[in-house]
Amino acid sequence: MSTGLTKRLEGIRDAAVRQHAAQGGSYGALANAMGVTRATAQSRRDT
Protein backbone atom coordinates (compact mmCIF):
# COMPACT_ATOMS: atom_id res chain seq x y z
CA MET A 1 0.00 0.00 0.00
CA SER A 2 2.81 2.46 0.74
CA THR A 3 4.48 1.65 -2.58
CA GLY A 4 1.23 2.26 -4.46
CA LEU A 5 0.59 5.49 -2.58
CA THR A 6 4.16 6.70 -3.12
CA LYS A 7 3.96 6.07 -6.87
CA ARG A 8 0.74 8.06 -7.09
CA LEU A 9 2.15 10.91 -5.00
CA GLU A 10 5.25 11.02 -7.20
CA GLY A 11 3.02 11.20 -10.28
CA ILE A 12 1.05 14.07 -8.76
CA ARG A 13 4.25 15.91 -7.83
CA ASP A 14 5.83 15.40 -11.26
CA ALA A 15 2.67 16.57 -13.04
CA ALA A 16 2.60 19.66 -10.85
CA VAL A 17 6.28 20.40 -11.54
CA ARG A 18 5.72 19.96 -15.28
CA GLN A 19 2.69 22.29 -15.26
CA HIS A 20 4.52 24.78 -13.02
CA ALA A 21 7.24 24.97 -15.67
CA ALA A 22 4.71 25.23 -18.52
CA GLN A 23 3.06 28.18 -16.78
CA GLY A 24 6.38 29.98 -16.38
CA GLY A 25 6.92 29.20 -12.70
CA SER A 26 10.32 30.27 -11.45
CA TYR A 27 13.06 27.98 -10.18
CA GLY A 28 13.03 29.98 -6.94
CA ALA A 29 9.33 29.34 -6.33
CA LEU A 30 9.84 25.67 -7.17
CA ALA A 31 12.78 25.47 -4.76
CA ASN A 32 10.64 26.95 -1.98
CA ALA A 33 7.85 24.47 -2.69
CA MET A 34 10.27 21.52 -2.75
CA GLY A 35 12.29 22.63 0.26
CA VAL A 36 15.55 22.47 -1.68
CA THR A 37 18.07 24.89 -3.10
CA ARG A 38 17.36 26.72 -6.35
CA ALA A 39 20.07 24.73 -8.13
CA THR A 40 18.56 21.44 -6.98
CA ALA A 41 15.08 22.51 -8.06
CA GLN A 42 16.43 23.56 -11.45
CA SER A 43 18.22 20.24 -11.90
CA ARG A 44 15.19 18.19 -10.90
CA ARG A 45 12.80 20.14 -13.12
CA ASP A 46 15.15 20.09 -16.11
CA THR A 47 15.68 16.33 -15.71
ModelCIF file with pLDDT and N, C-alpha, C, O atoms, coordinates in Angstrom:
data_MODEL
#
_entry.id   MODEL 
#
_entity.id                         1 
_entity.type                       polymer 
_entity.pdbx_number_of_molecules   1 
#
_entity_poly.entity_id                      1 
_entity_poly.type                           'polypeptide(L)' 
_entity_poly.nstd_linkage                   no 
_entity_poly.nstd_monomer                   no 
_entity_poly.pdbx_seq_one_letter_code       MSTGLTKRLEGIRDAAVRQHAAQGGSYGALANAMGVTRATAQSRRDT 
_entity_poly.pdbx_seq_one_letter_code_can   MSTGLTKRLEGIRDAAVRQHAAQGGSYGALANAMGVTRATAQSRRDT 
_entity_poly.pdbx_strand_id                 A 
#
loop_
_entity_poly_seq.entity_id 
_entity_poly_seq.num 
_entity_poly_seq.mon_id 
_entity_poly_seq.hetero 
1 1  MET n 
1 2  SER n 
1 3  THR n 
1 4  GLY n 
1 5  LEU n 
1 6  THR n 
1 7  LYS n 
1 8  ARG n 
1 9  LEU n 
1 10 GLU n 
1 11 GLY n 
1 12 ILE n 
1 13 ARG n 
1 14 ASP n 
1 15 ALA n 
1 16 ALA n 
1 17 VAL n 
1 18 ARG n 
1 19 GLN n 
1 20 HIS n 
1 21 ALA n 
1 22 ALA n 
1 23 GLN n 
1 24 GLY n 
1 25 GLY n 
1 26 SER n 
1 27 TYR n 
1 28 GLY n 
1 29 ALA n 
1 30 LEU n 
1 31 ALA n 
1 32 ASN n 
1 33 ALA n 
1 34 MET n 
1 35 GLY n 
1 36 VAL n 
1 37 THR n 
1 38 ARG n 
1 39 ALA n 
1 40 THR n 
1 41 ALA n 
1 42 GLN n 
1 43 SER n 
1 44 ARG n 
1 45 ARG n 
1 46 ASP n 
1 47 THR n 
#
_struct_asym.id          A 
_struct_asym.entity_id   1 
#
loop_
_ma_qa_metric.id 
_ma_qa_metric.mode 
_ma_qa_metric.name 
_ma_qa_metric.software_group_id 
_ma_qa_metric.type 
1 global pLDDT . pLDDT 
2 local  pLDDT . pLDDT 
#
_ma_qa_metric_global.metric_id      1 
_ma_qa_metric_global.metric_value   97.77 
_ma_qa_metric_global.model_id       1 
_ma_qa_metric_global.ordinal_id     1 
#
loop_
_ma_qa_metric_local.label_asym_id 
_ma_qa_metric_local.label_comp_id 
_ma_qa_metric_local.label_seq_id 
_ma_qa_metric_local.metric_id 
_ma_qa_metric_local.metric_value 
_ma_qa_metric_local.model_id 
_ma_qa_metric_local.ordinal_id 
A MET 1  2 97.00 1 1  
A SER 2  2 97.00 1 2  
A THR 3  2 97.00 1 3  
A GLY 4  2 95.00 1 4  
A LEU 5  2 97.00 1 5  
A THR 6  2 97.00 1 6  
A LYS 7  2 97.00 1 7  
A ARG 8  2 97.00 1 8  
A LEU 9  2 97.00 1 9  
A GLU 10 2 98.00 1 10 
A GLY 11 2 98.00 1 11 
A ILE 12 2 98.00 1 12 
A ARG 13 2 98.00 1 13 
A ASP 14 2 98.00 1 14 
A ALA 15 2 98.00 1 15 
A ALA 16 2 98.00 1 16 
A VAL 17 2 98.00 1 17 
A ARG 18 2 98.00 1 18 
A GLN 19 2 98.00 1 19 
A HIS 20 2 98.00 1 20 
A ALA 21 2 98.00 1 21 
A ALA 22 2 98.00 1 22 
A GLN 23 2 98.00 1 23 
A GLY 24 2 98.00 1 24 
A GLY 25 2 98.00 1 25 
A SER 26 2 98.00 1 26 
A TYR 27 2 98.00 1 27 
A GLY 28 2 98.00 1 28 
A ALA 29 2 98.00 1 29 
A LEU 30 2 98.00 1 30 
A ALA 31 2 98.00 1 31 
A ASN 32 2 98.00 1 32 
A ALA 33 2 98.00 1 33 
A MET 34 2 98.00 1 34 
A GLY 35 2 98.00 1 35 
A VAL 36 2 98.00 1 36 
A THR 37 2 98.00 1 37 
A ARG 38 2 98.00 1 38 
A ALA 39 2 98.00 1 39 
A THR 40 2 98.00 1 40 
A ALA 41 2 98.00 1 41 
A GLN 42 2 98.00 1 42 
A SER 43 2 98.00 1 43 
A ARG 44 2 98.00 1 44 
A ARG 45 2 98.00 1 45 
A ASP 46 2 98.00 1 46 
A THR 47 2 98.00 1 47 
#
loop_
_atom_site.group_PDB 
_atom_site.id 
_atom_site.type_symbol 
_atom_site.label_atom_id 
_atom_site.label_alt_id 
_atom_site.label_comp_id 
_atom_site.label_asym_id 
_atom_site.label_entity_id 
_atom_site.label_seq_id 
_atom_site.pdbx_PDB_ins_code 
_atom_site.Cartn_x 
_atom_site.Cartn_y 
_atom_site.Cartn_z 
_atom_site.occupancy 
_atom_site.B_iso_or_equiv 
_atom_site.pdbx_formal_charge 
_atom_site.auth_seq_id 
_atom_site.auth_comp_id 
_atom_site.auth_asym_id 
_atom_site.auth_atom_id 
_atom_site.pdbx_PDB_model_num 
ATOM 1   N N  . MET A 1 1  ? 0.818  -1.214 0.000   1.00 97.00 ? 1  MET A N  1 
ATOM 2   C CA . MET A 1 1  ? 0.000  0.000  0.000   1.00 97.00 ? 1  MET A CA 1 
ATOM 3   C C  . MET A 1 1  ? 0.852  1.264  0.000   1.00 97.00 ? 1  MET A C  1 
ATOM 4   O O  . MET A 1 1  ? 0.503  2.240  -0.664  1.00 97.00 ? 1  MET A O  1 
ATOM 5   N N  . SER A 1 2  ? 1.961  1.263  0.731   1.00 97.00 ? 2  SER A N  1 
ATOM 6   C CA . SER A 1 2  ? 2.809  2.457  0.743   1.00 97.00 ? 2  SER A CA 1 
ATOM 7   C C  . SER A 1 2  ? 3.504  2.643  -0.597  1.00 97.00 ? 2  SER A C  1 
ATOM 8   O O  . SER A 1 2  ? 3.711  3.776  -1.032  1.00 97.00 ? 2  SER A O  1 
ATOM 9   N N  . THR A 1 3  ? 3.863  1.558  -1.251  1.00 97.00 ? 3  THR A N  1 
ATOM 10  C CA . THR A 1 3  ? 4.478  1.655  -2.581  1.00 97.00 ? 3  THR A CA 1 
ATOM 11  C C  . THR A 1 3  ? 3.484  2.235  -3.583  1.00 97.00 ? 3  THR A C  1 
ATOM 12  O O  . THR A 1 3  ? 3.830  3.119  -4.366  1.00 97.00 ? 3  THR A O  1 
ATOM 13  N N  . GLY A 1 4  ? 2.251  1.737  -3.557  1.00 95.00 ? 4  GLY A N  1 
ATOM 14  C CA . GLY A 1 4  ? 1.232  2.257  -4.463  1.00 95.00 ? 4  GLY A CA 1 
ATOM 15  C C  . GLY A 1 4  ? 0.926  3.719  -4.203  1.00 95.00 ? 4  GLY A C  1 
ATOM 16  O O  . GLY A 1 4  ? 0.760  4.500  -5.140  1.00 95.00 ? 4  GLY A O  1 
ATOM 17  N N  . LEU A 1 5  ? 0.850  4.092  -2.933  1.00 97.00 ? 5  LEU A N  1 
ATOM 18  C CA . LEU A 1 5  ? 0.589  5.488  -2.585  1.00 97.00 ? 5  LEU A CA 1 
ATOM 19  C C  . LEU A 1 5  ? 1.752  6.380  -2.995  1.00 97.00 ? 5  LEU A C  1 
ATOM 20  O O  . LEU A 1 5  ? 1.543  7.470  -3.528  1.00 97.00 ? 5  LEU A O  1 
ATOM 21  N N  . THR A 1 6  ? 2.965  5.924  -2.751  1.00 97.00 ? 6  THR A N  1 
ATOM 22  C CA . THR A 1 6  ? 4.157  6.699  -3.118  1.00 97.00 ? 6  THR A CA 1 
ATOM 23  C C  . THR A 1 6  ? 4.217  6.938  -4.624  1.00 97.00 ? 6  THR A C  1 
ATOM 24  O O  . THR A 1 6  ? 4.520  8.047  -5.064  1.00 97.00 ? 6  THR A O  1 
ATOM 25  N N  . LYS A 1 7  ? 3.935  5.914  -5.408  1.00 97.00 ? 7  LYS A N  1 
ATOM 26  C CA . LYS A 1 7  ? 3.957  6.070  -6.872  1.00 97.00 ? 7  LYS A CA 1 
ATOM 27  C C  . LYS A 1 7  ? 2.935  7.107  -7.331  1.00 97.00 ? 7  LYS A C  1 
ATOM 28  O O  . LYS A 1 7  ? 3.214  7.913  -8.219  1.00 97.00 ? 7  LYS A O  1 
ATOM 29  N N  . ARG A 1 8  ? 1.760  7.080  -6.727  1.00 97.00 ? 8  ARG A N  1 
ATOM 30  C CA . ARG A 1 8  ? 0.735  8.062  -7.095  1.00 97.00 ? 8  ARG A CA 1 
ATOM 31  C C  . ARG A 1 8  ? 1.145  9.468  -6.668  1.00 97.00 ? 8  ARG A C  1 
ATOM 32  O O  . ARG A 1 8  ? 0.966  10.424 -7.422  1.00 97.00 ? 8  ARG A O  1 
ATOM 33  N N  . LEU A 1 9  ? 1.691  9.594  -5.468  1.00 97.00 ? 9  LEU A N  1 
ATOM 34  C CA . LEU A 1 9  ? 2.146  10.908 -5.003  1.00 97.00 ? 9  LEU A CA 1 
ATOM 35  C C  . LEU A 1 9  ? 3.273  11.453 -5.877  1.00 97.00 ? 9  LEU A C  1 
ATOM 36  O O  . LEU A 1 9  ? 3.322  12.651 -6.157  1.00 97.00 ? 9  LEU A O  1 
ATOM 37  N N  . GLU A 1 10 ? 4.171  10.582 -6.304  1.00 98.00 ? 10 GLU A N  1 
ATOM 38  C CA . GLU A 1 10 ? 5.247  11.015 -7.197  1.00 98.00 ? 10 GLU A CA 1 
ATOM 39  C C  . GLU A 1 10 ? 4.676  11.483 -8.534  1.00 98.00 ? 10 GLU A C  1 
ATOM 40  O O  . GLU A 1 10 ? 5.154  12.466 -9.100  1.00 98.00 ? 10 GLU A O  1 
ATOM 41  N N  . GLY A 1 11 ? 3.662  10.787 -9.042  1.00 98.00 ? 11 GLY A N  1 
ATOM 42  C CA . GLY A 1 11 ? 3.016  11.200 -10.284 1.00 98.00 ? 11 GLY A CA 1 
ATOM 43  C C  . GLY A 1 11 ? 2.348  12.558 -10.150 1.00 98.00 ? 11 GLY A C  1 
ATOM 44  O O  . GLY A 1 11 ? 2.426  13.391 -11.053 1.00 98.00 ? 11 GLY A O  1 
ATOM 45  N N  . ILE A 1 12 ? 1.693  12.777 -9.019  1.00 98.00 ? 12 ILE A N  1 
ATOM 46  C CA . ILE A 1 12 ? 1.048  14.069 -8.761  1.00 98.00 ? 12 ILE A CA 1 
ATOM 47  C C  . ILE A 1 12 ? 2.103  15.167 -8.700  1.00 98.00 ? 12 ILE A C  1 
ATOM 48  O O  . ILE A 1 12 ? 1.947  16.223 -9.312  1.00 98.00 ? 12 ILE A O  1 
ATOM 49  N N  . ARG A 1 13 ? 3.178  14.910 -7.956  1.00 98.00 ? 13 ARG A N  1 
ATOM 50  C CA . ARG A 1 13 ? 4.255  15.909 -7.831  1.00 98.00 ? 13 ARG A CA 1 
ATOM 51  C C  . ARG A 1 13 ? 4.870  16.215 -9.190  1.00 98.00 ? 13 ARG A C  1 
ATOM 52  O O  . ARG A 1 13 ? 5.053  17.381 -9.537  1.00 98.00 ? 13 ARG A O  1 
ATOM 53  N N  . ASP A 1 14 ? 5.192  15.182 -9.960  1.00 98.00 ? 14 ASP A N  1 
ATOM 54  C CA . ASP A 1 14 ? 5.831  15.399 -11.257 1.00 98.00 ? 14 ASP A CA 1 
ATOM 55  C C  . ASP A 1 14 ? 4.913  16.155 -12.212 1.00 98.00 ? 14 ASP A C  1 
ATOM 56  O O  . ASP A 1 14 ? 5.371  17.019 -12.960 1.00 98.00 ? 14 ASP A O  1 
ATOM 57  N N  . ALA A 1 15 ? 3.625  15.837 -12.191 1.00 98.00 ? 15 ALA A N  1 
ATOM 58  C CA . ALA A 1 15 ? 2.674  16.567 -13.042 1.00 98.00 ? 15 ALA A CA 1 
ATOM 59  C C  . ALA A 1 15 ? 2.608  18.031 -12.629 1.00 98.00 ? 15 ALA A C  1 
ATOM 60  O O  . ALA A 1 15 ? 2.539  18.918 -13.479 1.00 98.00 ? 15 ALA A O  1 
ATOM 61  N N  . ALA A 1 16 ? 2.630  18.281 -11.328 1.00 98.00 ? 16 ALA A N  1 
ATOM 62  C CA . ALA A 1 16 ? 2.596  19.664 -10.845 1.00 98.00 ? 16 ALA A CA 1 
ATOM 63  C C  . ALA A 1 16 ? 3.869  20.414 -11.230 1.00 98.00 ? 16 ALA A C  1 
ATOM 64  O O  . ALA A 1 16 ? 3.805  21.585 -11.605 1.00 98.00 ? 16 ALA A O  1 
ATOM 65  N N  . VAL A 1 17 ? 5.019  19.756 -11.141 1.00 98.00 ? 17 VAL A N  1 
ATOM 66  C CA . VAL A 1 17 ? 6.282  20.395 -11.537 1.00 98.00 ? 17 VAL A CA 1 
ATOM 67  C C  . VAL A 1 17 ? 6.260  20.704 -13.023 1.00 98.00 ? 17 VAL A C  1 
ATOM 68  O O  . VAL A 1 17 ? 6.675  21.785 -13.440 1.00 98.00 ? 17 VAL A O  1 
ATOM 69  N N  . ARG A 1 18 ? 5.781  19.763 -13.822 1.00 98.00 ? 18 ARG A N  1 
ATOM 70  C CA . ARG A 1 18 ? 5.719  19.964 -15.276 1.00 98.00 ? 18 ARG A CA 1 
ATOM 71  C C  . ARG A 1 18 ? 4.798  21.132 -15.623 1.00 98.00 ? 18 ARG A C  1 
ATOM 72  O O  . ARG A 1 18 ? 5.141  21.964 -16.462 1.00 98.00 ? 18 ARG A O  1 
ATOM 73  N N  . GLN A 1 19 ? 3.631  21.197 -14.982 1.00 98.00 ? 19 GLN A N  1 
ATOM 74  C CA . GLN A 1 19 ? 2.693  22.288 -15.263 1.00 98.00 ? 19 GLN A CA 1 
ATOM 75  C C  . GLN A 1 19 ? 3.204  23.615 -14.708 1.00 98.00 ? 19 GLN A C  1 
ATOM 76  O O  . GLN A 1 19 ? 2.963  24.668 -15.298 1.00 98.00 ? 19 GLN A O  1 
ATOM 77  N N  . HIS A 1 20 ? 3.905  23.571 -13.584 1.00 98.00 ? 20 HIS A N  1 
ATOM 78  C CA . HIS A 1 20 ? 4.519  24.777 -13.015 1.00 98.00 ? 20 HIS A CA 1 
ATOM 79  C C  . HIS A 1 20 ? 5.486  25.375 -14.035 1.00 98.00 ? 20 HIS A C  1 
ATOM 80  O O  . HIS A 1 20 ? 5.505  26.587 -14.250 1.00 98.00 ? 20 HIS A O  1 
ATOM 81  N N  . ALA A 1 21 ? 6.284  24.515 -14.655 1.00 98.00 ? 21 ALA A N  1 
ATOM 82  C CA . ALA A 1 21 ? 7.236  24.974 -15.671 1.00 98.00 ? 21 ALA A CA 1 
ATOM 83  C C  . ALA A 1 21 ? 6.496  25.517 -16.894 1.00 98.00 ? 21 ALA A C  1 
ATOM 84  O O  . ALA A 1 21 ? 6.865  26.562 -17.430 1.00 98.00 ? 21 ALA A O  1 
ATOM 85  N N  . ALA A 1 22 ? 5.455  24.811 -17.335 1.00 98.00 ? 22 ALA A N  1 
ATOM 86  C CA . ALA A 1 22 ? 4.707  25.232 -18.523 1.00 98.00 ? 22 ALA A CA 1 
ATOM 87  C C  . ALA A 1 22 ? 4.033  26.588 -18.321 1.00 98.00 ? 22 ALA A C  1 
ATOM 88  O O  . ALA A 1 22 ? 3.817  27.329 -19.280 1.00 98.00 ? 22 ALA A O  1 
ATOM 89  N N  . GLN A 1 23 ? 3.706  26.905 -17.078 1.00 98.00 ? 23 GLN A N  1 
ATOM 90  C CA . GLN A 1 23 ? 3.056  28.185 -16.782 1.00 98.00 ? 23 GLN A CA 1 
ATOM 91  C C  . GLN A 1 23 ? 4.067  29.271 -16.428 1.00 98.00 ? 23 GLN A C  1 
ATOM 92  O O  . GLN A 1 23 ? 3.687  30.358 -15.993 1.00 98.00 ? 23 GLN A O  1 
ATOM 93  N N  . GLY A 1 24 ? 5.351  28.979 -16.612 1.00 98.00 ? 24 GLY A N  1 
ATOM 94  C CA . GLY A 1 24 ? 6.384  29.981 -16.383 1.00 98.00 ? 24 GLY A CA 1 
ATOM 95  C C  . GLY A 1 24 ? 6.800  30.146 -14.937 1.00 98.00 ? 24 GLY A C  1 
ATOM 96  O O  . GLY A 1 24 ? 7.379  31.168 -14.569 1.00 98.00 ? 24 GLY A O  1 
ATOM 97  N N  . GLY A 1 25 ? 6.509  29.140 -14.104 1.00 98.00 ? 25 GLY A N  1 
ATOM 98  C CA . GLY A 1 25 ? 6.915  29.198 -12.701 1.00 98.00 ? 25 GLY A CA 1 
ATOM 99  C C  . GLY A 1 25 ? 8.425  29.297 -12.577 1.00 98.00 ? 25 GLY A C  1 
ATOM 100 O O  . GLY A 1 25 ? 9.158  28.688 -13.356 1.00 98.00 ? 25 GLY A O  1 
ATOM 101 N N  . SER A 1 26 ? 8.883  30.053 -11.611 1.00 98.00 ? 26 SER A N  1 
ATOM 102 C CA . SER A 1 26 ? 10.325 30.265 -11.453 1.00 98.00 ? 26 SER A CA 1 
ATOM 103 C C  . SER A 1 26 ? 10.985 29.107 -10.711 1.00 98.00 ? 26 SER A C  1 
ATOM 104 O O  . SER A 1 26 ? 10.333 28.363 -9.978  1.00 98.00 ? 26 SER A O  1 
ATOM 105 N N  . TYR A 1 27 ? 12.288 28.974 -10.918 1.00 98.00 ? 27 TYR A N  1 
ATOM 106 C CA . TYR A 1 27 ? 13.055 27.981 -10.177 1.00 98.00 ? 27 TYR A CA 1 
ATOM 107 C C  . TYR A 1 27 ? 13.039 28.303 -8.684  1.00 98.00 ? 27 TYR A C  1 
ATOM 108 O O  . TYR A 1 27 ? 13.007 27.396 -7.852  1.00 98.00 ? 27 TYR A O  1 
ATOM 109 N N  . GLY A 1 28 ? 13.060 29.581 -8.346  1.00 98.00 ? 28 GLY A N  1 
ATOM 110 C CA . GLY A 1 28 ? 13.034 29.979 -6.944  1.00 98.00 ? 28 GLY A CA 1 
ATOM 111 C C  . GLY A 1 28 ? 11.753 29.548 -6.249  1.00 98.00 ? 28 GLY A C  1 
ATOM 112 O O  . GLY A 1 28 ? 11.793 29.029 -5.133  1.00 98.00 ? 28 GLY A O  1 
ATOM 113 N N  . ALA A 1 29 ? 10.614 29.761 -6.905  1.00 98.00 ? 29 ALA A N  1 
ATOM 114 C CA . ALA A 1 29 ? 9.334  29.336 -6.328  1.00 98.00 ? 29 ALA A CA 1 
ATOM 115 C C  . ALA A 1 29 ? 9.279  27.817 -6.213  1.00 98.00 ? 29 ALA A C  1 
ATOM 116 O O  . ALA A 1 29 ? 8.771  27.283 -5.227  1.00 98.00 ? 29 ALA A O  1 
ATOM 117 N N  . LEU A 1 30 ? 9.798  27.129 -7.213  1.00 98.00 ? 30 LEU A N  1 
ATOM 118 C CA . LEU A 1 30 ? 9.841  25.670 -7.174  1.00 98.00 ? 30 LEU A CA 1 
ATOM 119 C C  . LEU A 1 30 ? 10.733 25.197 -6.028  1.00 98.00 ? 30 LEU A C  1 
ATOM 120 O O  . LEU A 1 30 ? 10.382 24.259 -5.313  1.00 98.00 ? 30 LEU A O  1 
ATOM 121 N N  . ALA A 1 31 ? 11.875 25.837 -5.854  1.00 98.00 ? 31 ALA A N  1 
ATOM 122 C CA . ALA A 1 31 ? 12.783 25.475 -4.764  1.00 98.00 ? 31 ALA A CA 1 
ATOM 123 C C  . ALA A 1 31 ? 12.096 25.633 -3.416  1.00 98.00 ? 31 ALA A C  1 
ATOM 124 O O  . ALA A 1 31 ? 12.219 24.766 -2.551  1.00 98.00 ? 31 ALA A O  1 
ATOM 125 N N  . ASN A 1 32 ? 11.371 26.737 -3.230  1.00 98.00 ? 32 ASN A N  1 
ATOM 126 C CA . ASN A 1 32 ? 10.643 26.946 -1.982  1.00 98.00 ? 32 ASN A CA 1 
ATOM 127 C C  . ASN A 1 32 ? 9.605  25.851 -1.759  1.00 98.00 ? 32 ASN A C  1 
ATOM 128 O O  . ASN A 1 32 ? 9.469  25.342 -0.646  1.00 98.00 ? 32 ASN A O  1 
ATOM 129 N N  . ALA A 1 33 ? 8.883  25.492 -2.795  1.00 98.00 ? 33 ALA A N  1 
ATOM 130 C CA . ALA A 1 33 ? 7.853  24.466 -2.687  1.00 98.00 ? 33 ALA A CA 1 
ATOM 131 C C  . ALA A 1 33 ? 8.446  23.089 -2.385  1.00 98.00 ? 33 ALA A C  1 
ATOM 132 O O  . ALA A 1 33 ? 7.842  22.293 -1.667  1.00 98.00 ? 33 ALA A O  1 
ATOM 133 N N  . MET A 1 34 ? 9.628  22.814 -2.934  1.00 98.00 ? 34 MET A N  1 
ATOM 134 C CA . MET A 1 34 ? 10.271 21.517 -2.748  1.00 98.00 ? 34 MET A CA 1 
ATOM 135 C C  . MET A 1 34 ? 11.141 21.455 -1.494  1.00 98.00 ? 34 MET A C  1 
ATOM 136 O O  . MET A 1 34 ? 11.546 20.373 -1.069  1.00 98.00 ? 34 MET A O  1 
ATOM 137 N N  . GLY A 1 35 ? 11.424 22.606 -0.909  1.00 98.00 ? 35 GLY A N  1 
ATOM 138 C CA . GLY A 1 35 ? 12.291 22.628 0.264   1.00 98.00 ? 35 GLY A CA 1 
ATOM 139 C C  . GLY A 1 35 ? 13.735 22.290 -0.050  1.00 98.00 ? 35 GLY A C  1 
ATOM 140 O O  . GLY A 1 35 ? 14.432 21.657 0.744   1.00 98.00 ? 35 GLY A O  1 
ATOM 141 N N  . VAL A 1 36 ? 14.177 22.730 -1.236  1.00 98.00 ? 36 VAL A N  1 
ATOM 142 C CA . VAL A 1 36 ? 15.552 22.473 -1.679  1.00 98.00 ? 36 VAL A CA 1 
ATOM 143 C C  . VAL A 1 36 ? 16.167 23.778 -2.179  1.00 98.00 ? 36 VAL A C  1 
ATOM 144 O O  . VAL A 1 36 ? 15.503 24.814 -2.231  1.00 98.00 ? 36 VAL A O  1 
ATOM 145 N N  . THR A 1 37 ? 17.427 23.708 -2.540  1.00 98.00 ? 37 THR A N  1 
ATOM 146 C CA . THR A 1 37 ? 18.073 24.894 -3.101  1.00 98.00 ? 37 THR A CA 1 
ATOM 147 C C  . THR A 1 37 ? 17.556 25.144 -4.513  1.00 98.00 ? 37 THR A C  1 
ATOM 148 O O  . THR A 1 37 ? 16.980 24.259 -5.146  1.00 98.00 ? 37 THR A O  1 
ATOM 149 N N  . ARG A 1 38 ? 17.772 26.362 -4.993  1.00 98.00 ? 38 ARG A N  1 
ATOM 150 C CA . ARG A 1 38 ? 17.356 26.723 -6.350  1.00 98.00 ? 38 ARG A CA 1 
ATOM 151 C C  . ARG A 1 38 ? 18.046 25.825 -7.378  1.00 98.00 ? 38 ARG A C  1 
ATOM 152 O O  . ARG A 1 38 ? 17.416 25.376 -8.336  1.00 98.00 ? 38 ARG A O  1 
ATOM 153 N N  . ALA A 1 39 ? 19.324 25.570 -7.181  1.00 98.00 ? 39 ALA A N  1 
ATOM 154 C CA . ALA A 1 39 ? 20.068 24.730 -8.132  1.00 98.00 ? 39 ALA A CA 1 
ATOM 155 C C  . ALA A 1 39 ? 19.504 23.313 -8.173  1.00 98.00 ? 39 ALA A C  1 
ATOM 156 O O  . ALA A 1 39 ? 19.408 22.713 -9.244  1.00 98.00 ? 39 ALA A O  1 
ATOM 157 N N  . THR A 1 40 ? 19.135 22.781 -7.018  1.00 98.00 ? 40 THR A N  1 
ATOM 158 C CA . THR A 1 40 ? 18.558 21.435 -6.975  1.00 98.00 ? 40 THR A CA 1 
ATOM 159 C C  . THR A 1 40 ? 17.202 21.412 -7.664  1.00 98.00 ? 40 THR A C  1 
ATOM 160 O O  . THR A 1 40 ? 16.897 20.485 -8.413  1.00 98.00 ? 40 THR A O  1 
ATOM 161 N N  . ALA A 1 41 ? 16.392 22.431 -7.409  1.00 98.00 ? 41 ALA A N  1 
ATOM 162 C CA . ALA A 1 41 ? 15.080 22.508 -8.059  1.00 98.00 ? 41 ALA A CA 1 
ATOM 163 C C  . ALA A 1 41 ? 15.238 22.608 -9.575  1.00 98.00 ? 41 ALA A C  1 
ATOM 164 O O  . ALA A 1 41 ? 14.504 21.962 -10.323 1.00 98.00 ? 41 ALA A O  1 
ATOM 165 N N  . GLN A 1 42 ? 16.184 23.409 -10.023 1.00 98.00 ? 42 GLN A N  1 
ATOM 166 C CA . GLN A 1 42 ? 16.427 23.558 -11.454 1.00 98.00 ? 42 GLN A CA 1 
ATOM 167 C C  . GLN A 1 42 ? 16.852 22.233 -12.062 1.00 98.00 ? 42 GLN A C  1 
ATOM 168 O O  . GLN A 1 42 ? 16.367 21.856 -13.129 1.00 98.00 ? 42 GLN A O  1 
ATOM 169 N N  . SER A 1 43 ? 17.742 21.532 -11.400 1.00 98.00 ? 43 SER A N  1 
ATOM 170 C CA . SER A 1 43 ? 18.222 20.242 -11.898 1.00 98.00 ? 43 SER A CA 1 
ATOM 171 C C  . SER A 1 43 ? 17.086 19.219 -11.973 1.00 98.00 ? 43 SER A C  1 
ATOM 172 O O  . SER A 1 43 ? 16.943 18.508 -12.968 1.00 98.00 ? 43 SER A O  1 
ATOM 173 N N  . ARG A 1 44 ? 16.290 19.156 -10.921 1.00 98.00 ? 44 ARG A N  1 
ATOM 174 C CA . ARG A 1 44 ? 15.186 18.189 -10.898 1.00 98.00 ? 44 ARG A CA 1 
ATOM 175 C C  . ARG A 1 44 ? 14.148 18.497 -11.966 1.00 98.00 ? 44 ARG A C  1 
ATOM 176 O O  . ARG A 1 44 ? 13.667 17.593 -12.649 1.00 98.00 ? 44 ARG A O  1 
ATOM 177 N N  . ARG A 1 45 ? 13.800 19.781 -12.114 1.00 98.00 ? 45 ARG A N  1 
ATOM 178 C CA . ARG A 1 45 ? 12.804 20.141 -13.118 1.00 98.00 ? 45 ARG A CA 1 
ATOM 179 C C  . ARG A 1 45 ? 13.334 19.882 -14.517 1.00 98.00 ? 45 ARG A C  1 
ATOM 180 O O  . ARG A 1 45 ? 12.629 19.322 -15.357 1.00 98.00 ? 45 ARG A O  1 
ATOM 181 N N  . ASP A 1 46 ? 14.580 20.287 -14.775 1.00 98.00 ? 46 ASP A N  1 
ATOM 182 C CA . ASP A 1 46 ? 15.152 20.085 -16.107 1.00 98.00 ? 46 ASP A CA 1 
ATOM 183 C C  . ASP A 1 46 ? 15.246 18.603 -16.454 1.00 98.00 ? 46 ASP A C  1 
ATOM 184 O O  . ASP A 1 46 ? 14.990 18.217 -17.594 1.00 98.00 ? 46 ASP A O  1 
ATOM 185 N N  . THR A 1 47 ? 15.607 17.778 -15.488 1.00 98.00 ? 47 THR A N  1 
ATOM 186 C CA . THR A 1 47 ? 15.679 16.325 -15.710 1.00 98.00 ? 47 THR A CA 1 
ATOM 187 C C  . THR A 1 47 ? 14.294 15.774 -16.017 1.00 98.00 ? 47 THR A C  1 
ATOM 188 O O  . THR A 1 47 ? 14.143 14.572 -16.233 1.00 98.00 ? 47 THR A O  1 
#
